[in-house]
Amino acid sequence: MPDWYPRYIYLILGIIAFSGGAVSTRIGKTWAPHAGRTIFRAKEPSTFWWVVAMHYIFSSCLRWTLLASDRGDLKVLRAK
């Protein structure tokens, strides 16, 4: 496994999650895994925005994990 893999996988997944939120916001529909269907902004606005918010929160958590591992706060994530 490459040396960059353990650390930067969080950044890559964070970018994917953020992009998913941005695309969902733009096109007005998103996939809700918990519901197993597509949710449209016009039909169910509260559920739609909740799912999009989860994309953004998840991406923020992943990016925070990368920053914390760079500072040494999370010793278990540091590649050896």
N, C-alpha and C. Protein backbone atom coordinates (compact mmCIF):
# COMPACT_ATOMS: atom_id res chain seq x y z
N MET A 1 0.84 -1.17 0.00
CA MET A 1 0.00 0.00 0.00
C MET A 1 0.90 1.24 0.00
N PRO A 2 0.60 2.25 -0.83
CA PRO A 2 1.43 3.45 -0.88
C PRO A 2 1.42 4.22 0.44
N ASP A 3 2.46 5.01 0.66
CA ASP A 3 2.57 5.78 1.90
C ASP A 3 1.48 6.83 2.05
N TRP A 4 1.01 7.39 0.94
CA TRP A 4 0.02 8.47 1.01
C TRP A 4 -1.39 7.95 1.28
N TYR A 5 -1.62 6.67 1.05
CA TYR A 5 -2.97 6.11 1.12
C TYR A 5 -3.67 6.32 2.46
N PRO A 6 -3.08 5.98 3.59
CA PRO A 6 -3.80 6.09 4.86
C PRO A 6 -4.23 7.52 5.19
N ARG A 7 -3.44 8.51 4.81
CA ARG A 7 -3.78 9.89 5.17
C ARG A 7 -4.70 10.54 4.15
N TYR A 8 -4.40 10.42 2.90
CA TYR A 8 -5.13 11.18 1.90
C TYR A 8 -6.43 10.54 1.45
N ILE A 9 -6.71 9.32 1.91
CA ILE A 9 -8.00 8.73 1.58
C ILE A 9 -9.12 9.56 2.20
N TYR A 10 -8.87 10.19 3.36
CA TYR A 10 -9.87 11.03 4.00
C TYR A 10 -10.14 12.28 3.17
N LEU A 11 -9.10 12.85 2.61
CA LEU A 11 -9.27 14.02 1.75
C LEU A 11 -10.02 13.64 0.48
N ILE A 12 -9.68 12.53 -0.11
CA ILE A 12 -10.35 12.09 -1.34
C ILE A 12 -11.83 11.84 -1.08
N LEU A 13 -12.15 11.12 0.00
CA LEU A 13 -13.54 10.86 0.33
C LEU A 13 -14.28 12.14 0.70
N GLY A 14 -13.58 13.07 1.36
CA GLY A 14 -14.19 14.36 1.69
C GLY A 14 -14.54 15.17 0.46
N ILE A 15 -13.67 15.14 -0.52
CA ILE A 15 -13.93 15.86 -1.78
C ILE A 15 -15.11 15.21 -2.51
N ILE A 16 -15.18 13.90 -2.50
CA ILE A 16 -16.30 13.21 -3.15
C ILE A 16 -17.62 13.55 -2.45
N ALA A 17 -17.62 13.55 -1.11
CA ALA A 17 -18.84 13.88 -0.37
C ALA A 17 -19.25 15.33 -0.60
N PHE A 18 -18.29 16.25 -0.61
CA PHE A 18 -18.60 17.65 -0.85
C PHE A 18 -19.14 17.84 -2.27
N SER A 19 -18.54 17.15 -3.22
CA SER A 19 -19.01 17.25 -4.60
C SER A 19 -20.43 16.69 -4.73
N GLY A 20 -20.71 15.63 -4.01
CA GLY A 20 -22.06 15.08 -4.02
C GLY A 20 -23.08 16.07 -3.49
N GLY A 21 -22.73 16.78 -2.43
CA GLY A 21 -23.62 17.81 -1.90
C GLY A 21 -23.80 18.96 -2.86
N ALA A 22 -22.72 19.38 -3.50
CA ALA A 22 -22.79 20.50 -4.44
C ALA A 22 -23.61 20.14 -5.67
N VAL A 23 -23.41 18.95 -6.20
CA VAL A 23 -24.17 18.51 -7.37
C VAL A 23 -25.64 18.35 -7.01
N SER A 24 -25.92 17.77 -5.86
CA SER A 24 -27.32 17.61 -5.43
C SER A 24 -28.01 18.96 -5.27
N THR A 25 -27.29 19.93 -4.71
CA THR A 25 -27.85 21.26 -4.55
C THR A 25 -28.16 21.87 -5.90
N ARG A 26 -27.30 21.68 -6.86
CA ARG A 26 -27.47 22.29 -8.18
C ARG A 26 -28.60 21.64 -8.99
N ILE A 27 -28.67 20.30 -9.01
CA ILE A 27 -29.66 19.65 -9.87
C ILE A 27 -31.01 19.45 -9.20
N GLY A 28 -31.08 19.56 -7.88
CA GLY A 28 -32.36 19.47 -7.19
C GLY A 28 -32.84 18.07 -6.88
N LYS A 29 -31.97 17.10 -6.96
CA LYS A 29 -32.33 15.75 -6.54
C LYS A 29 -31.11 15.08 -5.93
N THR A 30 -31.37 14.18 -5.00
CA THR A 30 -30.29 13.48 -4.32
C THR A 30 -30.73 12.07 -4.00
N TRP A 31 -29.77 11.19 -3.81
CA TRP A 31 -30.04 9.80 -3.44
C TRP A 31 -29.99 9.69 -1.93
N ALA A 32 -31.04 9.12 -1.35
CA ALA A 32 -31.10 8.93 0.10
C ALA A 32 -30.94 7.44 0.39
N PRO A 33 -29.76 7.03 0.84
CA PRO A 33 -29.54 5.60 1.09
C PRO A 33 -30.48 5.03 2.15
N HIS A 34 -30.81 5.84 3.17
CA HIS A 34 -31.69 5.34 4.22
C HIS A 34 -33.11 5.12 3.71
N ALA A 35 -33.53 5.88 2.70
CA ALA A 35 -34.87 5.72 2.12
C ALA A 35 -34.86 4.79 0.92
N GLY A 36 -33.70 4.63 0.30
CA GLY A 36 -33.58 3.77 -0.86
C GLY A 36 -34.22 4.32 -2.11
N ARG A 37 -34.27 5.63 -2.22
CA ARG A 37 -34.90 6.26 -3.38
C ARG A 37 -34.31 7.64 -3.62
N THR A 38 -34.69 8.23 -4.74
CA THR A 38 -34.26 9.58 -5.06
C THR A 38 -35.24 10.58 -4.45
N ILE A 39 -34.70 11.63 -3.85
CA ILE A 39 -35.52 12.67 -3.24
C ILE A 39 -35.36 13.94 -4.04
N PHE A 40 -36.49 14.54 -4.41
CA PHE A 40 -36.49 15.76 -5.21
C PHE A 40 -36.71 16.97 -4.31
N ARG A 41 -36.00 18.07 -4.60
CA ARG A 41 -36.08 19.29 -3.81
C ARG A 41 -37.49 19.88 -3.84
N ALA A 42 -38.16 19.85 -4.98
CA ALA A 42 -39.49 20.45 -5.11
C ALA A 42 -40.57 19.67 -4.37
N LYS A 43 -40.43 18.35 -4.28
CA LYS A 43 -41.46 17.52 -3.66
C LYS A 43 -41.30 17.39 -2.15
N GLU A 44 -40.07 17.21 -1.69
CA GLU A 44 -39.80 17.01 -0.26
C GLU A 44 -38.64 17.89 0.17
N PRO A 45 -38.87 19.19 0.32
CA PRO A 45 -37.74 20.09 0.59
C PRO A 45 -37.01 19.83 1.92
N SER A 46 -37.73 19.52 2.98
CA SER A 46 -37.04 19.33 4.26
C SER A 46 -36.16 18.09 4.24
N THR A 47 -36.65 16.99 3.69
CA THR A 47 -35.84 15.78 3.60
C THR A 47 -34.66 15.98 2.66
N PHE A 48 -34.90 16.66 1.55
CA PHE A 48 -33.83 16.94 0.59
C PHE A 48 -32.69 17.70 1.25
N TRP A 49 -33.02 18.79 1.95
CA TRP A 49 -31.96 19.60 2.56
C TRP A 49 -31.27 18.87 3.71
N TRP A 50 -31.98 17.98 4.39
CA TRP A 50 -31.36 17.20 5.44
C TRP A 50 -30.30 16.27 4.85
N VAL A 51 -30.63 15.61 3.75
CA VAL A 51 -29.68 14.68 3.12
C VAL A 51 -28.49 15.45 2.55
N VAL A 52 -28.71 16.60 1.92
CA VAL A 52 -27.61 17.40 1.38
C VAL A 52 -26.72 17.91 2.51
N ALA A 53 -27.33 18.30 3.63
CA ALA A 53 -26.54 18.74 4.78
C ALA A 53 -25.64 17.62 5.30
N MET A 54 -26.12 16.39 5.24
CA MET A 54 -25.30 15.25 5.67
C MET A 54 -24.08 15.07 4.76
N HIS A 55 -24.23 15.36 3.46
CA HIS A 55 -23.08 15.33 2.56
C HIS A 55 -22.01 16.31 3.03
N TYR A 56 -22.44 17.54 3.32
CA TYR A 56 -21.49 18.58 3.73
C TYR A 56 -20.87 18.29 5.10
N ILE A 57 -21.67 17.82 6.04
CA ILE A 57 -21.14 17.51 7.38
C ILE A 57 -20.16 16.35 7.30
N PHE A 58 -20.49 15.32 6.54
CA PHE A 58 -19.59 14.18 6.38
C PHE A 58 -18.27 14.61 5.76
N SER A 59 -18.33 15.48 4.74
CA SER A 59 -17.09 15.93 4.10
C SER A 59 -16.26 16.77 5.07
N SER A 60 -16.91 17.56 5.90
CA SER A 60 -16.17 18.36 6.90
C SER A 60 -15.48 17.46 7.91
N CYS A 61 -16.16 16.41 8.35
CA CYS A 61 -15.56 15.48 9.31
C CYS A 61 -14.34 14.77 8.72
N LEU A 62 -14.45 14.38 7.46
CA LEU A 62 -13.31 13.71 6.82
C LEU A 62 -12.13 14.65 6.66
N ARG A 63 -12.39 15.89 6.28
CA ARG A 63 -11.29 16.85 6.13
C ARG A 63 -10.68 17.19 7.49
N TRP A 64 -11.49 17.25 8.55
CA TRP A 64 -10.96 17.50 9.89
C TRP A 64 -10.06 16.35 10.31
N THR A 65 -10.45 15.12 9.98
CA THR A 65 -9.63 13.96 10.32
C THR A 65 -8.26 14.05 9.66
N LEU A 66 -8.22 14.49 8.40
CA LEU A 66 -6.94 14.65 7.71
C LEU A 66 -6.09 15.71 8.40
N LEU A 67 -6.69 16.85 8.74
CA LEU A 67 -5.93 17.91 9.41
C LEU A 67 -5.44 17.48 10.78
N ALA A 68 -6.28 16.76 11.52
CA ALA A 68 -5.88 16.30 12.85
C ALA A 68 -4.74 15.28 12.75
N SER A 69 -4.77 14.44 11.72
CA SER A 69 -3.69 13.47 11.59
C SER A 69 -2.39 14.14 11.16
N ASP A 70 -2.48 15.23 10.39
CA ASP A 70 -1.28 15.98 10.01
C ASP A 70 -0.63 16.65 11.22
N ARG A 71 -1.45 17.11 12.16
CA ARG A 71 -0.91 17.77 13.35
C ARG A 71 -0.42 16.78 14.40
N GLY A 72 -0.82 15.52 14.25
CA GLY A 72 -0.40 14.51 15.23
C GLY A 72 -1.42 14.30 16.34
N ASP A 73 -2.60 14.93 16.22
CA ASP A 73 -3.63 14.75 17.24
C ASP A 73 -4.19 13.34 17.26
N LEU A 74 -4.23 12.72 16.10
CA LEU A 74 -4.75 11.37 16.00
C LEU A 74 -3.60 10.43 15.66
N LYS A 75 -2.99 9.89 16.68
CA LYS A 75 -1.80 9.04 16.49
C LYS A 75 -2.12 7.77 15.72
N VAL A 76 -3.33 7.26 15.82
CA VAL A 76 -3.68 5.99 15.17
C VAL A 76 -3.75 6.15 13.66
N LEU A 77 -3.95 7.35 13.15
CA LEU A 77 -4.06 7.56 11.72
C LEU A 77 -2.75 7.86 11.05
N ARG A 78 -1.72 8.09 11.84
CA ARG A 78 -0.43 8.46 11.28
C ARG A 78 0.24 7.24 10.66
N ALA A 79 0.68 7.37 9.42
CA ALA A 79 1.36 6.26 8.73
C ALA A 79 2.75 6.07 9.31
N LYS A 80 3.15 4.83 9.44
CA LYS A 80 4.49 4.57 10.02
C LYS A 80 5.35 3.91 9.00
